[in-house]
Amino acid sequence: MPPQQQTERRGFGVPGWIGEAETTLSPCFVFDISQRGATLAVKDPSTLPETLRLYLSPTAQTFRRCVVRWRKEDSVGVQFEK
């Protein structure tokens, strides 16, 4: 049986945007989210940097700093930095 996560992930299903400081934002889709991280659907995970910013609006001034923890063909798992 797989180990349980310390925080429960819940389905989210909203558009998001990712980028680094001073870069153009790229669209993504936030599948699920928890206090510790999220799963993001992205066009090409191999092009993402190891750290990024997640915005829930393309005009938002606030964001979550993230570290990529895993990559699949069309998605990434990110952990929120504190």
Protein backbone atom coordinates (compact mmCIF):
# COMPACT_ATOMS: atom_id res chain seq x y z
CA MET A 1 0.00 0.00 0.00
CA PRO A 2 1.48 3.43 -0.94
CA PRO A 3 2.31 5.84 1.88
CA GLN A 4 -0.32 8.48 2.57
CA GLN A 5 0.49 12.09 1.91
CA GLN A 6 0.69 14.32 4.96
CA THR A 7 -1.76 16.81 3.48
CA GLU A 8 -4.82 15.88 1.47
CA ARG A 9 -4.84 16.85 -2.19
CA ARG A 10 -8.12 18.04 -3.59
CA GLY A 11 -9.23 18.40 -7.17
CA PHE A 12 -8.88 21.95 -8.32
CA GLY A 13 -9.33 22.10 -12.10
CA VAL A 14 -8.50 25.73 -12.82
CA PRO A 15 -6.25 27.51 -15.29
CA GLY A 16 -2.90 28.71 -14.02
CA TRP A 17 0.18 30.48 -15.32
CA ILE A 18 3.82 29.72 -14.66
CA GLY A 19 6.99 31.71 -15.07
CA GLU A 20 10.17 32.92 -13.50
CA ALA A 21 11.02 36.42 -12.36
CA GLU A 22 10.85 38.91 -15.23
CA THR A 23 9.66 36.37 -17.83
CA THR A 24 6.53 35.93 -19.90
CA LEU A 25 3.96 33.70 -18.23
CA SER A 26 3.02 30.37 -19.81
CA PRO A 27 -0.41 28.80 -19.38
CA CYS A 28 -0.90 25.59 -17.43
CA PHE A 29 -3.80 23.78 -15.78
CA VAL A 30 -3.87 23.09 -12.02
CA PHE A 31 -5.29 19.55 -11.61
CA ASP A 32 -5.04 19.27 -7.86
CA ILE A 33 -3.59 21.18 -4.97
CA SER A 34 -2.69 20.75 -1.30
CA GLN A 35 -0.97 22.87 1.32
CA ARG A 36 2.36 21.43 0.18
CA GLY A 37 2.10 21.33 -3.62
CA ALA A 38 0.15 20.80 -6.83
CA THR A 39 -0.04 18.84 -10.07
CA LEU A 40 0.18 21.01 -13.18
CA ALA A 41 -0.63 20.05 -16.76
CA VAL A 42 1.87 21.73 -19.07
CA LYS A 43 2.69 21.63 -22.77
CA ASP A 44 6.34 20.56 -22.46
CA PRO A 45 7.57 19.70 -18.95
CA SER A 46 11.14 19.24 -20.15
CA THR A 47 11.47 22.98 -20.80
CA LEU A 48 10.50 24.05 -17.28
CA PRO A 49 13.20 25.22 -14.86
CA GLU A 50 13.65 23.47 -11.52
CA THR A 51 12.07 26.41 -9.70
CA LEU A 52 9.16 28.50 -10.93
CA ARG A 53 6.31 30.75 -9.88
CA LEU A 54 2.67 29.64 -10.05
CA TYR A 55 0.02 32.33 -10.61
CA LEU A 56 -3.75 31.74 -10.59
CA SER A 57 -4.37 34.76 -12.82
CA PRO A 58 -2.28 36.18 -15.67
CA THR A 59 -2.48 39.61 -14.03
CA ALA A 60 -1.96 38.47 -10.42
CA GLN A 61 0.63 40.21 -8.29
CA THR A 62 0.87 37.24 -5.91
CA PHE A 63 2.24 33.80 -6.66
CA ARG A 64 3.50 30.59 -5.05
CA ARG A 65 7.18 29.74 -5.40
CA CYS A 66 7.50 26.11 -6.48
CA VAL A 67 10.15 23.42 -6.91
CA VAL A 68 9.56 20.75 -9.56
CA ARG A 69 9.61 17.33 -7.85
CA TRP A 70 8.63 15.08 -10.77
CA ARG A 71 7.94 15.29 -14.52
CA LYS A 72 5.76 13.19 -16.79
CA GLU A 73 4.96 13.52 -20.49
CA ASP A 74 2.33 16.22 -20.00
CA SER A 75 2.46 17.20 -16.33
CA VAL A 76 4.68 18.10 -13.38
CA GLY A 77 4.40 17.81 -9.65
CA VAL A 78 5.50 20.86 -7.72
CA GLN A 79 6.20 21.45 -4.06
CA PHE A 80 5.49 24.89 -2.64
CA GLU A 81 8.45 26.61 -1.03
CA LYS A 82 7.90 28.16 2.37
